[in-house]
Amino acid sequence: MSIFQAIIIAIIEGLTEFLPVSSTGHMIIASSMMGISGDDFTKIFEIAIQLGAILSVVVLYWRKFFDFSKWQFYVKLAVAVIPALILGKLLSDKIDNLLESPATVAITLLLGGIVLLYVDRWFKHPGIHEDKDLSYRNAFIIGIWQCIALIPGMSRSAASIIGGMQQKLTRTLAAEFSFYLAVPTMLAATVYKLFLKTYPSGGAAEVRGYDIVFGNAANTTAFIIGNIVAFIVAVLAIKFFIGYLQKHGFKLFGIYRIIVGVLLLVMIYAGYLK
């Protein structure tokens, strides 16, 4: 992966991580179009690049994350992240295989787009306006919804926001809780990819993700620059999304997903994407 390719993927991650359009799906398509989708470093990079996006949430909502007097907030996040941790570990290999499938991304983008066209109509009467009123049960159910996003193209943001609205959260609070939940979820996925998962090295012994990232100067440079770019772009994307969501809802994102999904299916059928 070149520095240019790393920056392109980082921009995509920063723009799409917190929008309901699937950052992973967009990165898979971009990697496939650039011819780097089967590489182990690319697979690690597409997950580890989320570190920059995580930091953007912590910086923008630092008062929330560093108010240690409200310990219930941390417990709710822990409860909400449990389903994804369990299913993510159990389905890790299957998820890795799906990460190489543009067809899976195209179909899930399309289906998710149809859902987003109607989600504002389904949940018209929210009853929870502040996160302090969110129960542990609410948090756990939102965490279950988030698990849908283990399928590339579904969007972690979309799944958790819809889950929040289904649990009577306002659109804005559902989006903000989705941002909060991204931090432990994405941090756990990054730690797993870098420090726990092993990869074939061509020799007798397998290597860890951090060996692939930091054992090669070009990979290390791409990793560092990518996370810096992802952080900057994600800060801007979050600010835009909250403002837009309050005024307009999800319909535009649904239309976007449907258009992209259809275009990708056409490209796959025509042989431009494998």
Protein backbone atom coordinates (compact mmCIF):
# COMPACT_ATOMS: atom_id res chain seq x y z
CA MET A 1 0.00 0.00 0.00
CA SER A 2 1.37 3.37 -1.02
CA ILE A 3 1.03 6.57 1.02
CA PHE A 4 -1.43 7.89 -1.56
CA GLN A 5 -3.58 4.76 -1.23
CA ALA A 6 -3.42 5.01 2.57
CA ILE A 7 -4.61 8.63 2.45
CA ILE A 8 -7.49 7.75 0.12
CA ILE A 9 -8.68 4.97 2.44
CA ALA A 10 -8.21 7.22 5.49
CA ILE A 11 -10.34 9.96 3.93
CA ILE A 12 -13.04 7.40 3.19
CA GLU A 13 -12.86 6.10 6.77
CA GLY A 14 -13.07 9.58 8.26
CA LEU A 15 -15.98 10.60 6.04
CA THR A 16 -18.05 7.45 6.42
CA GLU A 17 -17.31 5.93 9.85
CA PHE A 18 -20.00 7.90 11.65
CA LEU A 19 -22.42 8.29 8.73
CA PRO A 20 -24.97 5.48 8.16
CA VAL A 21 -23.39 4.44 4.86
CA SER A 22 -20.80 1.81 5.94
CA SER A 23 -17.17 2.85 6.20
CA THR A 24 -15.97 -0.76 5.89
CA GLY A 25 -18.02 -1.26 2.74
CA HIS A 26 -16.58 1.86 1.12
CA MET A 27 -13.03 0.90 2.09
CA ILE A 28 -13.49 -2.60 0.67
CA ILE A 29 -14.64 -1.16 -2.65
CA ALA A 30 -11.81 1.40 -2.73
CA SER A 31 -9.21 -1.29 -1.90
CA SER A 32 -10.63 -3.56 -4.57
CA MET A 33 -10.54 -0.80 -7.19
CA MET A 34 -6.93 0.01 -6.25
CA GLY A 35 -5.95 -3.67 -6.43
CA ILE A 36 -4.82 -4.05 -2.80
CA SER A 37 -7.84 -5.82 -1.26
CA GLY A 38 -6.26 -9.25 -0.69
CA ASP A 39 -3.22 -8.02 1.23
CA ASP A 40 -2.94 -8.77 4.98
CA PHE A 41 -1.77 -5.25 5.73
CA THR A 42 -4.80 -3.81 3.92
CA LYS A 43 -7.14 -5.94 6.03
CA ILE A 44 -5.41 -4.77 9.22
CA PHE A 45 -5.24 -1.16 8.02
CA GLU A 46 -8.99 -1.02 7.27
CA ILE A 47 -9.66 -1.86 10.92
CA ALA A 48 -6.73 -0.12 12.64
CA ILE A 49 -7.40 3.13 10.75
CA GLN A 50 -10.38 3.44 13.07
CA LEU A 51 -8.02 4.56 15.84
CA GLY A 52 -8.00 8.03 14.32
CA ALA A 53 -11.79 8.04 14.12
CA ILE A 54 -12.03 6.89 17.76
CA LEU A 55 -9.83 9.79 18.85
CA SER A 56 -12.11 12.26 17.05
CA VAL A 57 -15.06 11.15 19.19
CA VAL A 58 -13.06 11.39 22.41
CA VAL A 59 -11.84 14.89 21.51
CA LEU A 60 -15.26 16.22 20.45
CA TYR A 61 -17.05 14.69 23.45
CA TRP A 62 -14.22 14.94 25.97
CA ARG A 63 -16.49 16.28 28.71
CA LYS A 64 -18.59 13.12 28.45
CA PHE A 65 -15.65 10.72 28.37
CA PHE A 66 -13.71 12.32 31.21
CA ASP A 67 -16.54 13.00 33.65
CA PHE A 68 -15.65 10.13 35.98
CA SER A 69 -18.35 11.10 38.47
CA LYS A 70 -20.97 9.65 36.10
CA TRP A 71 -19.72 6.07 36.21
CA GLN A 72 -23.02 4.73 34.88
CA PHE A 73 -22.07 6.06 31.44
CA TYR A 74 -19.08 3.72 31.26
CA VAL A 75 -21.11 0.76 32.50
CA LYS A 76 -23.75 1.35 29.82
CA LEU A 77 -21.08 1.41 27.13
CA ALA A 78 -19.59 -1.81 28.51
CA VAL A 79 -23.01 -3.49 28.49
CA ALA A 80 -23.70 -2.30 24.93
CA VAL A 81 -20.38 -3.52 23.53
CA ILE A 82 -20.66 -7.09 24.93
CA PRO A 83 -22.75 -8.58 22.05
CA ALA A 84 -20.32 -7.32 19.38
CA LEU A 85 -17.30 -8.60 21.31
CA ILE A 86 -18.76 -12.08 21.59
CA LEU A 87 -20.08 -12.40 18.03
CA GLY A 88 -17.05 -10.64 16.56
CA LYS A 89 -14.73 -13.21 18.15
CA LEU A 90 -16.90 -16.19 17.18
CA LEU A 91 -17.32 -15.05 13.58
CA SER A 92 -13.88 -13.51 13.03
CA ASP A 93 -12.79 -15.79 10.17
CA LYS A 94 -16.13 -15.52 8.36
CA ILE A 95 -16.02 -11.73 8.68
CA ASP A 96 -12.47 -11.67 7.23
CA ASN A 97 -13.72 -13.63 4.20
CA LEU A 98 -16.60 -11.20 3.71
CA LEU A 99 -14.11 -8.31 3.83
CA GLU A 100 -12.94 -9.41 0.37
CA SER A 101 -16.44 -9.44 -1.15
CA PRO A 102 -17.65 -6.34 -3.05
CA ALA A 103 -20.84 -8.26 -3.89
CA THR A 104 -21.72 -8.56 -0.19
CA VAL A 105 -21.12 -4.85 0.24
CA ALA A 106 -23.27 -3.94 -2.77
CA ILE A 107 -26.23 -6.00 -1.59
CA THR A 108 -26.09 -4.81 2.02
CA LEU A 109 -25.70 -1.17 0.95
CA LEU A 110 -28.81 -1.53 -1.18
CA LEU A 111 -30.90 -3.25 1.50
CA GLY A 112 -29.75 -0.86 4.21
CA GLY A 113 -30.61 2.08 1.98
CA ILE A 114 -34.19 0.89 1.63
CA VAL A 115 -34.47 0.69 5.42
CA LEU A 116 -33.13 4.23 5.85
CA LEU A 117 -35.81 5.60 3.51
CA TYR A 118 -38.47 4.66 6.03
CA VAL A 119 -36.76 4.69 9.43
CA ASP A 120 -37.87 8.25 10.26
CA ARG A 121 -41.49 7.19 9.74
CA TRP A 122 -41.18 4.11 11.94
CA PHE A 123 -39.89 5.87 15.04
CA LYS A 124 -41.80 9.14 15.34
CA HIS A 125 -42.36 9.38 19.09
CA PRO A 126 -39.08 9.19 21.06
CA GLY A 127 -39.24 9.12 24.83
CA ILE A 128 -35.57 9.27 25.83
CA HIS A 129 -33.88 12.64 25.30
CA GLU A 130 -30.77 12.36 27.52
CA ASP A 131 -28.32 9.49 27.94
CA LYS A 132 -28.80 9.52 31.73
CA ASP A 133 -32.33 8.19 31.09
CA LEU A 134 -30.98 5.31 29.01
CA SER A 135 -31.35 2.02 30.92
CA TYR A 136 -28.87 -0.88 30.88
CA ARG A 137 -31.50 -2.90 29.02
CA ASN A 138 -31.74 -0.18 26.36
CA ALA A 139 -27.95 -0.17 26.04
CA PHE A 140 -27.75 -3.95 25.67
CA ILE A 141 -30.44 -4.04 22.98
CA ILE A 142 -28.68 -1.28 21.05
CA GLY A 143 -25.54 -3.42 21.30
CA ILE A 144 -27.43 -6.35 19.76
CA TRP A 145 -28.53 -4.11 16.90
CA GLN A 146 -24.91 -3.09 16.38
CA CYS A 147 -24.02 -6.72 15.66
CA ILE A 148 -25.84 -6.47 12.33
CA ALA A 149 -22.91 -4.35 11.20
CA LEU A 150 -20.57 -7.35 11.41
CA ILE A 151 -21.75 -7.91 7.84
CA PRO A 152 -19.65 -5.55 5.68
CA GLY A 153 -21.79 -2.87 4.07
CA MET A 154 -24.46 -2.77 6.76
CA SER A 155 -22.87 0.13 8.69
CA ARG A 156 -22.16 0.07 12.42
CA SER A 157 -23.43 3.62 12.69
CA ALA A 158 -26.72 2.87 10.91
CA ALA A 159 -27.37 -0.31 12.90
CA SER A 160 -26.71 1.26 16.30
CA ILE A 161 -28.63 4.47 15.49
CA ILE A 162 -31.66 2.50 14.29
CA GLY A 163 -31.35 0.36 17.41
CA GLY A 164 -31.31 3.51 19.52
CA MET A 165 -34.40 4.92 17.80
CA GLN A 166 -36.16 1.57 18.23
CA GLN A 167 -35.43 1.95 21.94
CA LYS A 168 -37.17 5.37 21.92
CA LEU A 169 -34.05 7.56 21.78
CA THR A 170 -34.29 10.79 19.80
CA ARG A 171 -32.44 10.85 16.48
CA THR A 172 -29.73 13.08 17.91
CA LEU A 173 -29.24 11.06 21.09
CA ALA A 174 -29.25 7.79 19.11
CA ALA A 175 -26.51 9.21 16.88
CA GLU A 176 -24.45 10.47 19.82
CA PHE A 177 -24.74 7.18 21.69
CA SER A 178 -23.66 5.45 18.49
CA PHE A 179 -20.55 7.67 18.49
CA TYR A 180 -19.84 6.82 22.14
CA LEU A 181 -20.34 3.11 21.49
CA ALA A 182 -17.93 3.27 18.56
CA VAL A 183 -15.03 3.93 20.92
CA PRO A 184 -14.95 0.62 22.85
CA THR A 185 -16.23 -1.36 19.85
CA MET A 186 -13.63 -0.11 17.40
CA LEU A 187 -10.87 -0.12 20.01
CA ALA A 188 -11.57 -3.79 20.75
CA ALA A 189 -11.55 -4.65 17.02
CA THR A 190 -8.26 -2.80 16.52
CA VAL A 191 -6.58 -4.45 19.52
CA TYR A 192 -7.71 -7.86 18.27
CA LYS A 193 -6.38 -7.26 14.76
CA LEU A 194 -3.06 -5.84 15.94
CA PHE A 195 -2.21 -7.93 19.00
CA LEU A 196 -4.29 -11.12 19.12
CA LYS A 197 -5.01 -12.34 15.60
CA THR A 198 -2.21 -14.23 13.81
CA TYR A 199 -1.38 -14.18 10.12
CA PRO A 200 0.66 -16.58 7.95
CA SER A 201 4.19 -15.29 7.37
CA GLY A 202 5.38 -17.67 4.69
CA GLY A 203 7.54 -19.48 7.23
CA ALA A 204 6.91 -21.95 10.04
CA ALA A 205 5.66 -19.35 12.54
CA GLU A 206 2.71 -17.02 12.20
CA VAL A 207 2.99 -13.31 12.97
CA ARG A 208 0.79 -10.83 14.79
CA GLY A 209 -0.78 -7.81 13.20
CA TYR A 210 1.65 -5.40 14.86
CA ASP A 211 4.54 -7.31 13.22
CA ILE A 212 3.03 -6.59 9.82
CA VAL A 213 2.34 -2.92 10.64
CA PHE A 214 5.51 -2.01 12.52
CA GLY A 215 7.93 -4.51 11.00
CA ASN A 216 7.92 -2.62 7.73
CA ALA A 217 8.78 1.09 7.45
CA ALA A 218 6.37 1.73 4.58
CA ASN A 219 3.51 0.08 6.47
CA THR A 220 4.31 2.04 9.63
CA THR A 221 4.32 5.33 7.73
CA ALA A 222 1.02 4.50 6.02
CA PHE A 223 -0.50 3.54 9.37
CA ILE A 224 0.53 6.78 11.10
CA ILE A 225 -0.42 9.13 8.25
CA GLY A 226 -3.68 7.26 7.70
CA ASN A 227 -4.78 7.67 11.30
CA ILE A 228 -3.94 11.38 11.32
CA VAL A 229 -5.97 11.95 8.16
CA ALA A 230 -8.86 9.83 9.46
CA PHE A 231 -8.95 11.87 12.69
CA ILE A 232 -9.14 15.23 10.93
CA VAL A 233 -11.78 14.15 8.44
CA ALA A 234 -13.86 12.35 11.10
CA VAL A 235 -14.06 15.50 13.26
CA LEU A 236 -15.58 17.40 10.32
CA ALA A 237 -17.89 14.53 9.39
CA ILE A 238 -19.33 14.21 12.92
CA LYS A 239 -20.08 17.93 13.12
CA PHE A 240 -21.81 17.84 9.75
CA PHE A 241 -23.81 14.70 10.51
CA ILE A 242 -25.33 15.88 13.79
CA GLY A 243 -26.41 19.18 12.26
CA TYR A 244 -27.86 17.54 9.16
CA LEU A 245 -29.62 14.78 11.08
CA GLN A 246 -31.44 17.22 13.35
CA LYS A 247 -32.93 19.01 10.35
CA HIS A 248 -33.38 16.37 7.66
CA GLY A 249 -33.26 12.79 8.98
CA PHE A 250 -31.96 9.73 7.12
CA LYS A 251 -33.67 9.80 3.73
CA LEU A 252 -30.72 11.27 1.78
CA PHE A 253 -28.38 8.62 3.18
CA GLY A 254 -30.85 5.93 2.13
CA ILE A 255 -30.97 7.27 -1.43
CA TYR A 256 -27.17 7.45 -1.52
CA ARG A 257 -26.82 3.84 -0.37
CA ILE A 258 -29.31 2.59 -2.96
CA ILE A 259 -27.55 4.44 -5.79
CA VAL A 260 -24.10 3.18 -4.74
CA GLY A 261 -25.39 -0.37 -4.22
CA VAL A 262 -26.96 -0.49 -7.69
CA LEU A 263 -23.84 0.99 -9.32
CA LEU A 264 -21.64 -1.56 -7.60
CA LEU A 265 -23.84 -4.46 -8.73
CA VAL A 266 -23.62 -3.16 -12.30
CA MET A 267 -19.83 -2.86 -12.03
CA ILE A 268 -19.57 -6.39 -10.62
CA TYR A 269 -21.81 -7.77 -13.36
CA ALA A 270 -19.73 -5.94 -16.01
CA GLY A 271 -16.52 -7.35 -14.59
CA TYR A 272 -15.01 -4.13 -13.26
CA LEU A 273 -15.09 -5.46 -9.70
CA LYS A 274 -14.40 -9.03 -8.64
